[in-house]
Amino acid sequence: MVGDNPMSNLRNGSLERKVKREFRQRCKATRAVCWLCRQAIDYGAAPQTPEAFEPDHYHPVESHPHLAYDMTNLRPSHCRCNRSRQDTPPEQRRWVQPDW
């Protein structure tokens, strides 16, 4: 049956909601900051607003579907930071200024 495989629909389902809910609770309890901008996250902000908490998959689900539900692959982020990063691998966001 198509719906029996949790990997068949990675961006939907009770398992994803459960993992994200638990991750948010852990982040809120420790007042985790956004891993992308290092600024405080407003854990009381309405979902999908710029300063709101949103779990970010360190390794994008598109390229690492086996990590979709792995809490160790999640990082605390602002909604705006996560959305601006999109599916860019973390190593592609780094840029070291040349020493010229």
Protein backbone atom coordinates (compact mmCIF):
# COMPACT_ATOMS: atom_id res chain seq x y z
CA MET A 1 0.00 0.00 0.00
CA VAL A 2 1.39 3.42 -0.97
CA GLY A 3 0.75 5.20 2.36
CA ASP A 4 2.40 2.47 4.47
CA ASN A 5 5.96 3.55 3.74
CA PRO A 6 6.88 6.64 5.81
CA MET A 7 9.59 7.51 3.29
CA SER A 8 7.02 7.72 0.47
CA ASN A 9 5.75 11.05 1.75
CA LEU A 10 8.60 12.72 3.65
CA ARG A 11 7.04 16.13 4.14
CA ASN A 12 3.80 14.90 5.67
CA GLY A 13 2.62 12.72 8.46
CA SER A 14 2.39 12.25 12.19
CA LEU A 15 6.00 11.07 12.59
CA GLU A 16 7.36 14.30 11.12
CA ARG A 17 5.07 16.39 13.32
CA LYS A 18 6.07 14.40 16.41
CA VAL A 19 9.81 14.76 15.76
CA LYS A 20 9.51 18.49 15.02
CA ARG A 21 7.31 19.09 18.08
CA GLU A 22 9.78 17.30 20.38
CA PHE A 23 12.72 19.16 18.82
CA ARG A 24 10.96 22.50 19.33
CA GLN A 25 10.29 21.67 22.99
CA ARG A 26 13.97 20.87 23.54
CA CYS A 27 15.10 24.05 21.80
CA LYS A 28 12.64 26.23 23.70
CA ALA A 29 13.69 24.71 27.05
CA THR A 30 17.34 25.57 26.36
CA ARG A 31 16.55 28.89 24.64
CA ALA A 32 18.47 27.74 21.60
CA VAL A 33 19.42 30.49 19.16
CA CYS A 34 19.18 30.33 15.38
CA TRP A 35 22.10 28.29 14.09
CA LEU A 36 22.25 30.39 10.91
CA CYS A 37 22.30 33.97 12.26
CA ARG A 38 23.09 33.25 15.95
CA GLN A 39 20.24 35.53 17.11
CA ALA A 40 17.51 34.73 19.65
CA ILE A 41 14.39 32.96 18.41
CA ASP A 42 10.93 34.16 19.46
CA TYR A 43 9.40 30.85 20.57
CA GLY A 44 6.08 32.62 21.17
CA ALA A 45 5.82 34.05 17.65
CA ALA A 46 3.06 32.82 15.38
CA PRO A 47 4.18 29.98 13.08
CA GLN A 48 5.61 31.01 9.72
CA THR A 49 6.33 34.58 10.79
CA PRO A 50 9.93 35.77 10.22
CA GLU A 51 11.15 35.54 13.84
CA ALA A 52 9.29 32.29 14.65
CA PHE A 53 11.02 29.00 15.37
CA GLU A 54 11.34 26.60 12.49
CA PRO A 55 13.40 23.40 12.53
CA ASP A 56 15.98 23.35 9.76
CA HIS A 57 17.29 20.13 8.27
CA TYR A 58 21.09 20.50 8.32
CA HIS A 59 21.38 18.07 5.43
CA PRO A 60 18.49 18.86 3.07
CA VAL A 61 15.78 16.21 2.89
CA GLU A 62 15.90 16.35 -0.89
CA SER A 63 19.47 15.02 -0.95
CA HIS A 64 19.34 13.06 2.35
CA PRO A 65 15.83 11.56 2.63
CA HIS A 66 17.06 8.96 5.13
CA LEU A 67 17.67 11.81 7.62
CA ALA A 68 14.20 13.35 7.32
CA TYR A 69 13.09 12.11 10.77
CA ASP A 70 16.51 12.09 12.44
CA MET A 71 16.49 14.69 15.21
CA THR A 72 20.29 14.96 15.06
CA ASN A 73 19.85 16.42 11.56
CA LEU A 74 17.67 19.27 12.84
CA ARG A 75 18.92 22.71 13.82
CA PRO A 76 17.00 25.56 15.47
CA SER A 77 16.36 28.44 13.10
CA HIS A 78 14.17 31.43 12.41
CA CYS A 79 11.55 30.89 9.79
CA ARG A 80 13.15 33.63 7.64
CA CYS A 81 16.65 32.14 7.95
CA ASN A 82 15.49 28.62 7.13
CA ARG A 83 13.46 29.80 4.14
CA SER A 84 16.34 31.86 2.77
CA ARG A 85 18.71 28.89 3.05
CA GLN A 86 16.23 26.62 1.24
CA ASP A 87 17.92 23.34 0.21
CA THR A 88 21.44 24.76 0.01
CA PRO A 89 23.92 22.35 1.59
CA PRO A 90 25.59 23.96 4.64
CA GLU A 91 29.07 23.70 3.15
CA GLN A 92 27.99 25.83 0.16
CA ARG A 93 26.94 28.71 2.41
CA ARG A 94 30.39 29.16 3.87
CA TRP A 95 32.77 31.56 2.25
CA VAL A 96 36.21 32.34 3.51
CA GLN A 97 37.57 35.67 2.40
CA PRO A 98 40.87 35.18 0.61
CA ASP A 99 43.90 36.64 2.30
CA TRP A 100 45.08 38.89 -0.55
